[in-house]
Amino acid sequence: MSNIFSAEFGGMEAFAATHHAAGEMVTSASSADSAAMLGAAATALGPIGASFLAAYAPAQSNTLAGATLVGQLHHAIGSATQAVKAAHIATDNA
């Protein structure tokens, strides 16, 4: 094998682990109880905030859904990095 390209397997593993950890943190943060959060906001705002809550509820739901997708993306990046590492190792050992 030539020295033109050198994969750093330790760096790849660290990169994958970092993305898996980030995915877990973001997914945990986005798993909030949307109904409980909306209930708390409704209690704080009272009837005068009804028009605000009508817009707030779908926006909050979309934010939590988007954050969940970001967490899943981090997990996917970590998994793809592990797959690339395995492919490089298999190629080197062929």
PDB file of N, CA and C in Angstrom:
ATOM      1  N   MET A   1       0.844  -1.169   0.000  1.00  0.00           N
ATOM      2  CA  MET A   1       0.000   0.000   0.000  1.00  0.00           C
ATOM      3  C   MET A   1       0.891   1.233   0.000  1.00  0.00           C
ATOM      4  N   SER A   2       0.497   2.221  -0.767  1.00  0.00           N
ATOM      5  CA  SER A   2       1.292   3.446  -0.844  1.00  0.00           C
ATOM      6  C   SER A   2       1.023   4.338   0.370  1.00  0.00           C
ATOM      7  N   ASN A   3       1.857   5.304   0.566  1.00  0.00           N
ATOM      8  CA  ASN A   3       1.695   6.236   1.672  1.00  0.00           C
ATOM      9  C   ASN A   3       0.961   7.503   1.252  1.00  0.00           C
ATOM     10  N   ILE A   4       0.309   7.479   0.105  1.00  0.00           N
ATOM     11  CA  ILE A   4      -0.416   8.652  -0.375  1.00  0.00           C
ATOM     12  C   ILE A   4      -1.632   8.929   0.523  1.00  0.00           C
ATOM     13  N   PHE A   5      -2.304   7.887   0.918  1.00  0.00           N
ATOM     14  CA  PHE A   5      -3.489   8.032   1.757  1.00  0.00           C
ATOM     15  C   PHE A   5      -3.307   7.211   3.013  1.00  0.00           C
ATOM     16  N   SER A   6      -3.547   7.829   4.148  1.00  0.00           N
ATOM     17  CA  SER A   6      -3.418   7.129   5.417  1.00  0.00           C
ATOM     18  C   SER A   6      -4.635   7.447   6.275  1.00  0.00           C
ATOM     19  N   ALA A   7      -5.384   6.431   6.606  1.00  0.00           N
ATOM     20  CA  ALA A   7      -6.565   6.627   7.460  1.00  0.00           C
ATOM     21  C   ALA A   7      -6.143   6.512   8.919  1.00  0.00           C
ATOM     22  N   GLU A   8      -6.586   7.440   9.716  1.00  0.00           N
ATOM     23  CA  GLU A   8      -6.299   7.430  11.152  1.00  0.00           C
ATOM     24  C   GLU A   8      -7.482   6.782  11.868  1.00  0.00           C
ATOM     25  N   PHE A   9      -7.345   5.487  12.152  1.00  0.00           N
ATOM     26  CA  PHE A   9      -8.470   4.743  12.715  1.00  0.00           C
ATOM     27  C   PHE A   9      -8.864   5.246  14.097  1.00  0.00           C
ATOM     28  N   GLY A  10      -7.890   5.654  14.897  1.00  0.00           N
ATOM     29  CA  GLY A  10      -8.211   6.202  16.216  1.00  0.00           C
ATOM     30  C   GLY A  10      -9.014   7.491  16.112  1.00  0.00           C
ATOM     31  N   GLY A  11      -8.633   8.321  15.154  1.00  0.00           N
ATOM     32  CA  GLY A  11      -9.367   9.565  14.925  1.00  0.00           C
ATOM     33  C   GLY A  11     -10.778   9.300  14.425  1.00  0.00           C
ATOM     34  N   MET A  12     -10.910   8.296  13.568  1.00  0.00           N
ATOM     35  CA  MET A  12     -12.238   7.947  13.053  1.00  0.00           C
ATOM     36  C   MET A  12     -13.132   7.439  14.183  1.00  0.00           C
ATOM     37  N   GLU A  13     -12.543   6.623  15.060  1.00  0.00           N
ATOM     38  CA  GLU A  13     -13.313   6.093  16.186  1.00  0.00           C
ATOM     39  C   GLU A  13     -13.739   7.220  17.133  1.00  0.00           C
ATOM     40  N   ALA A  14     -12.832   8.151  17.385  1.00  0.00           N
ATOM     41  CA  ALA A  14     -13.161   9.290  18.255  1.00  0.00           C
ATOM     42  C   ALA A  14     -14.245  10.158  17.619  1.00  0.00           C
ATOM     43  N   PHE A  15     -14.149  10.376  16.310  1.00  0.00           N
ATOM     44  CA  PHE A  15     -15.142  11.159  15.577  1.00  0.00           C
ATOM     45  C   PHE A  15     -16.510  10.490  15.674  1.00  0.00           C
ATOM     46  N   ALA A  16     -16.547   9.168  15.469  1.00  0.00           N
ATOM     47  CA  ALA A  16     -17.809   8.430  15.547  1.00  0.00           C
ATOM     48  C   ALA A  16     -18.384   8.489  16.955  1.00  0.00           C
ATOM     49  N   ALA A  17     -17.537   8.298  17.962  1.00  0.00           N
ATOM     50  CA  ALA A  17     -18.012   8.324  19.354  1.00  0.00           C
ATOM     51  C   ALA A  17     -18.561   9.703  19.712  1.00  0.00           C
ATOM     52  N   THR A  18     -17.904  10.751  19.234  1.00  0.00           N
ATOM     53  CA  THR A  18     -18.370  12.109  19.505  1.00  0.00           C
ATOM     54  C   THR A  18     -19.746  12.336  18.897  1.00  0.00           C
ATOM     55  N   HIS A  19     -19.949  11.849  17.675  1.00  0.00           N
ATOM     56  CA  HIS A  19     -21.251  12.030  17.032  1.00  0.00           C
ATOM     57  C   HIS A  19     -22.331  11.186  17.698  1.00  0.00           C
ATOM     58  N   HIS A  20     -21.984   9.977  18.139  1.00  0.00           N
ATOM     59  CA  HIS A  20     -22.981   9.173  18.859  1.00  0.00           C
ATOM     60  C   HIS A  20     -23.364   9.861  20.174  1.00  0.00           C
ATOM     61  N   ALA A  21     -22.381  10.416  20.879  1.00  0.00           N
ATOM     62  CA  ALA A  21     -22.673  11.121  22.133  1.00  0.00           C
ATOM     63  C   ALA A  21     -23.527  12.367  21.875  1.00  0.00           C
ATOM     64  N   ALA A  22     -23.188  13.113  20.830  1.00  0.00           N
ATOM     65  CA  ALA A  22     -23.975  14.302  20.478  1.00  0.00           C
ATOM     66  C   ALA A  22     -25.399  13.903  20.111  1.00  0.00           C
ATOM     67  N   GLY A  23     -25.532  12.825  19.362  1.00  0.00           N
ATOM     68  CA  GLY A  23     -26.868  12.348  18.990  1.00  0.00           C
ATOM     69  C   GLY A  23     -27.691  11.993  20.205  1.00  0.00           C
ATOM     70  N   GLU A  24     -27.060  11.351  21.174  1.00  0.00           N
ATOM     71  CA  GLU A  24     -27.771  10.981  22.405  1.00  0.00           C
ATOM     72  C   GLU A  24     -28.199  12.220  23.188  1.00  0.00           C
ATOM     73  N   MET A  25     -27.314  13.204  23.288  1.00  0.00           N
ATOM     74  CA  MET A  25     -27.640  14.423  24.029  1.00  0.00           C
ATOM     75  C   MET A  25     -28.776  15.195  23.356  1.00  0.00           C
ATOM     76  N   VAL A  26     -28.702  15.346  22.044  1.00  0.00           N
ATOM     77  CA  VAL A  26     -29.735  16.101  21.331  1.00  0.00           C
ATOM     78  C   VAL A  26     -31.067  15.361  21.373  1.00  0.00           C
ATOM     79  N   THR A  27     -31.025  14.052  21.184  1.00  0.00           N
ATOM     80  CA  THR A  27     -32.260  13.265  21.216  1.00  0.00           C
ATOM     81  C   THR A  27     -32.896  13.313  22.598  1.00  0.00           C
ATOM     82  N   SER A  28     -32.085  13.238  23.640  1.00  0.00           N
ATOM     83  CA  SER A  28     -32.622  13.337  25.003  1.00  0.00           C
ATOM     84  C   SER A  28     -33.259  14.700  25.248  1.00  0.00           C
ATOM     85  N   ALA A  29     -32.603  15.741  24.789  1.00  0.00           N
ATOM     86  CA  ALA A  29     -33.132  17.096  24.984  1.00  0.00           C
ATOM     87  C   ALA A  29     -34.426  17.309  24.210  1.00  0.00           C
ATOM     88  N   SER A  30     -34.561  16.637  23.079  1.00  0.00           N
ATOM     89  CA  SER A  30     -35.746  16.857  22.248  1.00  0.00           C
ATOM     90  C   SER A  30     -36.885  15.905  22.596  1.00  0.00           C
ATOM     91  N   SER A  31     -36.692  15.074  23.607  1.00  0.00           N
ATOM     92  CA  SER A  31     -37.754  14.145  23.980  1.00  0.00           C
ATOM     93  C   SER A  31     -38.627  14.726  25.090  1.00  0.00           C
ATOM     94  N   ALA A  32     -38.639  16.020  25.191  1.00  0.00           N
ATOM     95  CA  ALA A  32     -39.432  16.691  26.228  1.00  0.00           C
ATOM     96  C   ALA A  32     -40.915  16.397  26.031  1.00  0.00           C
ATOM     97  N   ASP A  33     -41.639  16.464  27.097  1.00  0.00           N
ATOM     98  CA  ASP A  33     -43.087  16.254  27.067  1.00  0.00           C
ATOM     99  C   ASP A  33     -43.748  17.532  26.554  1.00  0.00           C
ATOM    100  N   SER A  34     -44.075  17.526  25.291  1.00  0.00           N
ATOM    101  CA  SER A  34     -44.629  18.717  24.641  1.00  0.00           C
ATOM    102  C   SER A  34     -45.934  19.168  25.293  1.00  0.00           C
ATOM    103  N   ALA A  35     -46.782  18.221  25.650  1.00  0.00           N
ATOM    104  CA  ALA A  35     -48.068  18.576  26.261  1.00  0.00           C
ATOM    105  C   ALA A  35     -47.862  19.226  27.627  1.00  0.00           C
ATOM    106  N   ALA A  36     -46.925  18.709  28.407  1.00  0.00           N
ATOM    107  CA  ALA A  36     -46.652  19.296  29.725  1.00  0.00           C
ATOM    108  C   ALA A  36     -46.077  20.703  29.577  1.00  0.00           C
ATOM    109  N   MET A  37     -45.195  20.875  28.580  1.00  0.00           N
ATOM    110  CA  MET A  37     -44.638  22.213  28.359  1.00  0.00           C
ATOM    111  C   MET A  37     -45.727  23.192  27.939  1.00  0.00           C
ATOM    112  N   LEU A  38     -46.622  22.751  27.079  1.00  0.00           N
ATOM    113  CA  LEU A  38     -47.721  23.609  26.631  1.00  0.00           C
ATOM    114  C   LEU A  38     -48.655  23.930  27.797  1.00  0.00           C
ATOM    115  N   GLY A  39     -48.912  22.939  28.640  1.00  0.00           N
ATOM    116  CA  GLY A  39     -49.754  23.156  29.817  1.00  0.00           C
ATOM    117  C   GLY A  39     -49.146  24.184  30.761  1.00  0.00           C
ATOM    118  N   ALA A  40     -47.832  24.105  30.953  1.00  0.00           N
ATOM    119  CA  ALA A  40     -47.151  25.074  31.815  1.00  0.00           C
ATOM    120  C   ALA A  40     -47.237  26.475  31.223  1.00  0.00           C
ATOM    121  N   ALA A  41     -47.077  26.577  29.917  1.00  0.00           N
ATOM    122  CA  ALA A  41     -47.191  27.889  29.267  1.00  0.00           C
ATOM    123  C   ALA A  41     -48.612  28.414  29.379  1.00  0.00           C
ATOM    124  N   ALA A  42     -49.614  27.546  29.221  1.00  0.00           N
ATOM    125  CA  ALA A  42     -51.011  27.970  29.316  1.00  0.00           C
ATOM    126  C   ALA A  42     -51.326  28.470  30.720  1.00  0.00           C
ATOM    127  N   THR A  43     -50.783  27.782  31.718  1.00  0.00           N
ATOM    128  CA  THR A  43     -50.999  28.210  33.101  1.00  0.00           C
ATOM    129  C   THR A  43     -50.361  29.573  33.345  1.00  0.00           C
ATOM    130  N   ALA A  44     -49.174  29.764  32.826  1.00  0.00           N
ATOM    131  CA  ALA A  44     -48.461  31.024  33.035  1.00  0.00           C
ATOM    132  C   ALA A  44     -49.121  32.181  32.301  1.00  0.00           C
ATOM    133  N   LEU A  45     -49.641  31.928  31.105  1.00  0.00           N
ATOM    134  CA  LEU A  45     -50.195  33.007  30.284  1.00  0.00           C
ATOM    135  C   LEU A  45     -51.674  33.265  30.550  1.00  0.00           C
ATOM    136  N   GLY A  46     -52.371  32.234  30.982  1.00  0.00           N
ATOM    137  CA  GLY A  46     -53.797  32.386  31.250  1.00  0.00           C
ATOM    138  C   GLY A  46     -54.600  32.588  29.982  1.00  0.00           C
ATOM    139  N   PRO A  47     -55.870  32.949  30.122  1.00  0.00           N
ATOM    140  CA  PRO A  47     -56.743  33.084  28.955  1.00  0.00           C
ATOM    141  C   PRO A  47     -56.329  34.205  28.002  1.00  0.00           C
ATOM    142  N   ILE A  48     -55.629  35.176  28.516  1.00  0.00           N
ATOM    143  CA  ILE A  48     -55.213  36.280  27.645  1.00  0.00           C
ATOM    144  C   ILE A  48     -54.164  35.828  26.622  1.00  0.00           C
ATOM    145  N   GLY A  49     -53.480  34.716  26.903  1.00  0.00           N
ATOM    146  CA  GLY A  49     -52.444  34.222  25.994  1.00  0.00           C
ATOM    147  C   GLY A  49     -52.918  33.162  25.027  1.00  0.00           C
ATOM    148  N   ALA A  50     -54.224  32.975  24.892  1.00  0.00           N
ATOM    149  CA  ALA A  50     -54.764  31.914  24.036  1.00  0.00           C
ATOM    150  C   ALA A  50     -54.320  32.049  22.580  1.00  0.00           C
ATOM    151  N   SER A  51     -54.320  33.261  22.055  1.00  0.00           N
ATOM    152  CA  SER A  51     -53.909  33.423  20.653  1.00  0.00           C
ATOM    153  C   SER A  51     -52.422  33.123  20.485  1.00  0.00           C
ATOM    154  N   PHE A  52     -51.629  33.469  21.490  1.00  0.00           N
ATOM    155  CA  PHE A  52     -50.203  33.136  21.434  1.00  0.00           C
ATOM    156  C   PHE A  52     -50.011  31.622  21.465  1.00  0.00           C
ATOM    157  N   LEU A  53     -50.743  30.952  22.353  1.00  0.00           N
ATOM    158  CA  LEU A  53     -50.605  29.493  22.480  1.00  0.00           C
ATOM    159  C   LEU A  53     -51.025  28.770  21.205  1.00  0.00           C
ATOM    160  N   ALA A  54     -51.983  29.332  20.482  1.00  0.00           N
ATOM    161  CA  ALA A  54     -52.421  28.709  19.232  1.00  0.00           C
ATOM    162  C   ALA A  54     -51.276  28.651  18.222  1.00  0.00           C
ATOM    163  N   ALA A  55     -50.406  29.651  18.253  1.00  0.00           N
ATOM    164  CA  ALA A  55     -49.244  29.644  17.362  1.00  0.00           C
ATOM    165  C   ALA A  55     -48.057  28.921  17.991  1.00  0.00           C
ATOM    166  N   TYR A  56     -47.971  28.988  19.306  1.00  0.00           N
ATOM    167  CA  TYR A  56     -46.827  28.402  20.021  1.00  0.00           C
ATOM    168  C   TYR A  56     -46.826  26.871  19.945  1.00  0.00           C
ATOM    169  N   ALA A  57     -47.981  26.264  20.088  1.00  0.00           N
ATOM    170  CA  ALA A  57     -48.056  24.801  20.148  1.00  0.00           C
ATOM    171  C   ALA A  57     -47.466  24.123  18.910  1.00  0.00           C
ATOM    172  N   PRO A  58     -47.881  24.476  17.683  1.00  0.00           N
ATOM    173  CA  PRO A  58     -47.282  23.809  16.522  1.00  0.00           C
ATOM    174  C   PRO A  58     -45.807  24.165  16.338  1.00  0.00           C
ATOM    175  N   ALA A  59     -45.431  25.378  16.698  1.00  0.00           N
ATOM    176  CA  ALA A  59     -44.020  25.762  16.570  1.00  0.00           C
ATOM    177  C   ALA A  59     -43.154  24.939  17.520  1.00  0.00           C
ATOM    178  N   GLN A  60     -43.633  24.753  18.734  1.00  0.00           N
ATOM    179  CA  GLN A  60     -42.894  23.937  19.702  1.00  0.00           C
ATOM    180  C   GLN A  60     -42.794  22.493  19.226  1.00  0.00           C
ATOM    181  N   SER A  61     -43.872  21.972  18.719  1.00  0.00           N
ATOM    182  CA  SER A  61     -43.873  20.598  18.210  1.00  0.00           C
ATOM    183  C   SER A  61     -42.884  20.433  17.061  1.00  0.00           C
ATOM    184  N   ASN A  62     -42.870  21.399  16.151  1.00  0.00           N
ATOM    185  CA  ASN A  62     -41.931  21.351  15.026  1.00  0.00           C
ATOM    186  C   ASN A  62     -40.485  21.459  15.489  1.00  0.00           C
ATOM    187  N   THR A  63     -40.246  22.280  16.507  1.00  0.00           N
ATOM    188  CA  THR A  63     -38.889  22.422  17.036  1.00  0.00           C
ATOM    189  C   THR A  63     -38.404  21.113  17.646  1.00  0.00           C
ATOM    190  N   LEU A  64     -39.261  20.472  18.436  1.00  0.00           N
ATOM    191  CA  LEU A  64     -38.874  19.196  19.047  1.00  0.00           C
ATOM    192  C   LEU A  64     -38.661  18.116  17.981  1.00  0.00           C
ATOM    193  N   ALA A  65     -39.510  18.099  16.955  1.00  0.00           N
ATOM    194  CA  ALA A  65     -39.350  17.122  15.867  1.00  0.00           C
ATOM    195  C   ALA A  65     -38.047  17.370  15.107  1.00  0.00           C
ATOM    196  N   GLY A  66     -37.739  18.638  14.850  1.00  0.00           N
ATOM    197  CA  GLY A  66     -36.489  18.972  14.158  1.00  0.00           C
ATOM    198  C   GLY A  66     -35.272  18.595  14.970  1.00  0.00           C
ATOM    199  N   ALA A  67     -35.330  18.820  16.273  1.00  0.00           N
ATOM    200  CA  ALA A  67     -34.205  18.452  17.138  1.00  0.00           C
ATOM    201  C   ALA A  67     -34.009  16.939  17.159  1.00  0.00           C
ATOM    202  N   THR A  68     -35.104  16.204  17.139  1.00  0.00           N
ATOM    203  CA  THR A  68     -34.996  14.740  17.084  1.00  0.00           C
ATOM    204  C   THR A  68     -34.294  14.305  15.795  1.00  0.00           C
ATOM    205  N   LEU A  69     -34.620  14.948  14.690  1.00  0.00           N
ATOM    206  CA  LEU A  69     -33.964  14.630  13.414  1.00  0.00           C
ATOM    207  C   LEU A  69     -32.469  14.944  13.465  1.00  0.00           C
ATOM    208  N   VAL A  70     -32.107  16.042  14.115  1.00  0.00           N
ATOM    209  CA  VAL A  70     -30.687  16.389  14.241  1.00  0.00           C
ATOM    210  C   VAL A  70     -29.961  15.314  15.057  1.00  0.00           C
ATOM    211  N   GLY A  71     -30.594  14.850  16.129  1.00  0.00           N
ATOM    212  CA  GLY A  71     -29.998  13.773  16.926  1.00  0.00           C
ATOM    213  C   GLY A  71     -29.808  12.509  16.109  1.00  0.00           C
ATOM    214  N   GLN A  72     -30.807  12.163  15.309  1.00  0.00           N
ATOM    215  CA  GLN A  72     -30.697  10.982  14.451  1.00  0.00           C
ATOM    216  C   GLN A  72     -29.598  11.158  13.412  1.00  0.00           C
ATOM    217  N   LEU A  73     -29.433  12.375  12.920  1.00  0.00           N
ATOM    218  CA  LEU A  73     -28.375  12.645  11.946  1.00  0.00           C
ATOM    219  C   LEU A  73     -26.996  12.429  12.569  1.00  0.00           C
ATOM    220  N   HIS A  74     -26.817  12.891  13.803  1.00  0.00           N
ATOM    221  CA  HIS A  74     -25.539  12.673  14.476  1.00  0.00           C
ATOM    222  C   HIS A  74     -25.259  11.175  14.627  1.00  0.00           C
ATOM    223  N   HIS A  75     -26.272  10.401  14.998  1.00  0.00           N
ATOM    224  CA  HIS A  75     -26.090   8.952  15.095  1.00  0.00           C
ATOM    225  C   HIS A  75     -25.723   8.359  13.731  1.00  0.00           C
ATOM    226  N   ALA A  76     -26.355   8.835  12.677  1.00  0.00           N
ATOM    227  CA  ALA A  76     -26.065   8.334  11.330  1.00  0.00           C
ATOM    228  C   ALA A  76     -24.636   8.664  10.912  1.00  0.00           C
ATOM    229  N   ILE A  77     -24.160   9.862  11.242  1.00  0.00           N
ATOM    230  CA  ILE A  77     -22.775  10.233  10.921  1.00  0.00           C
ATOM    231  C   ILE A  77     -21.813   9.322  11.662  1.00  0.00           C
ATOM    232  N   GLY A  78     -22.097   9.046  12.940  1.00  0.00           N
ATOM    233  CA  GLY A  78     -21.251   8.142  13.712  1.00  0.00           C
ATOM    234  C   GLY A  78     -21.231   6.743  13.117  1.00  0.00           C
ATOM    235  N   SER A  79     -22.386   6.248  12.727  1.00  0.00           N
ATOM    236  CA  SER A  79     -22.472   4.907  12.132  1.00  0.00           C
ATOM    237  C   SER A  79     -21.766   4.841  10.785  1.00  0.00           C
ATOM    238  N   ALA A  80     -21.933   5.882   9.976  1.00  0.00           N
ATOM    239  CA  ALA A  80     -21.263   5.908   8.670  1.00  0.00           C
ATOM    240  C   ALA A  80     -19.748   5.948   8.839  1.00  0.00           C
ATOM    241  N   THR A  81     -19.289   6.687   9.829  1.00  0.00           N
ATOM    242  CA  THR A  81     -17.840   6.754  10.092  1.00  0.00           C
ATOM    243  C   THR A  81     -17.308   5.392  10.502  1.00  0.00           C
ATOM    244  N   GLN A  82     -18.056   4.673  11.328  1.00  0.00           N
ATOM    245  CA  GLN A  82     -17.640   3.330  11.725  1.00  0.00           C
ATOM    246  C   GLN A  82     -17.615   2.383  10.526  1.00  0.00           C
ATOM    247  N   ALA A  83     -18.566   2.533   9.627  1.00  0.00           N
ATOM    248  CA  ALA A  83     -18.600   1.691   8.427  1.00  0.00           C
ATOM    249  C   ALA A  83     -17.405   1.985   7.525  1.00  0.00           C
ATOM    250  N   VAL A  84     -17.057   3.256   7.386  1.00  0.00           N
ATOM    251  CA  VAL A  84     -15.898   3.630   6.569  1.00  0.00           C
ATOM    252  C   VAL A  84     -14.623   3.069   7.182  1.00  0.00           C
ATOM    253  N   LYS A  85     -14.517   3.160   8.499  1.00  0.00           N
ATOM    254  CA  LYS A  85     -13.348   2.610   9.188  1.00  0.00           C
ATOM    255  C   LYS A  85     -13.233   1.111   8.916  1.00  0.00           C
ATOM    256  N   ALA A  86     -14.345   0.397   9.047  1.00  0.00           N
ATOM    257  CA  ALA A  86     -14.339  -1.052   8.803  1.00  0.00           C
ATOM    258  C   ALA A  86     -13.962  -1.359   7.357  1.00  0.00           C
ATOM    259  N   ALA A  87     -14.434  -0.549   6.422  1.00  0.00           N
ATOM    260  CA  ALA A  87     -14.100  -0.774   5.011  1.00  0.00           C
ATOM    261  C   ALA A  87     -12.620  -0.550   4.755  1.00  0.00           C
ATOM    262  N   HIS A  88     -12.044   0.470   5.376  1.00  0.00           N
ATOM    263  CA  HIS A  88     -10.615   0.716   5.218  1.00  0.00           C
ATOM    264  C   HIS A  88      -9.790  -0.427   5.795  1.00  0.00           C
ATOM    265  N   ILE A  89     -10.195  -0.915   6.957  1.00  0.00           N
ATOM    266  CA  ILE A  89      -9.480  -2.034   7.588  1.00  0.00           C
ATOM    267  C   ILE A  89      -9.576  -3.272   6.699  1.00  0.00           C
ATOM    268  N   ALA A  90     -10.763  -3.546   6.169  1.00  0.00           N
ATOM    269  CA  ALA A  90     -10.944  -4.710   5.294  1.00  0.00           C
ATOM    270  C   ALA A  90     -10.097  -4.591   4.032  1.00  0.00           C
ATOM    271  N   THR A  91     -10.019  -3.390   3.490  1.00  0.00           N
ATOM    272  CA  THR A  91      -9.198  -3.169   2.283  1.00  0.00           C
ATOM    273  C   THR A  91      -7.729  -3.360   2.599  1.00  0.00           C
ATOM    274  N   ASP A  92      -7.288  -2.830   3.723  1.00  0.00           N
ATOM    275  CA  ASP A  92      -5.888  -2.969   4.122  1.00  0.00           C
ATOM    276  C   ASP A  92      -5.503  -4.426   4.356  1.00  0.00           C
ATOM    277  N   ASN A  93      -6.445  -5.221   4.829  1.00  0.00           N
ATOM    278  CA  ASN A  93      -6.170  -6.625   5.144  1.00  0.00           C
ATOM    279  C   ASN A  93      -6.401  -7.562   3.965  1.00  0.00           C
ATOM    280  N   ALA A  94      -6.887  -7.017   2.850  1.00  0.00           N
ATOM    281  CA  ALA A  94      -7.167  -7.854   1.678  1.00  0.00           C
ATOM    282  C   ALA A  94      -5.894  -8.262   0.972  1.00  0.00           C
TER     283      ALA A  94
END
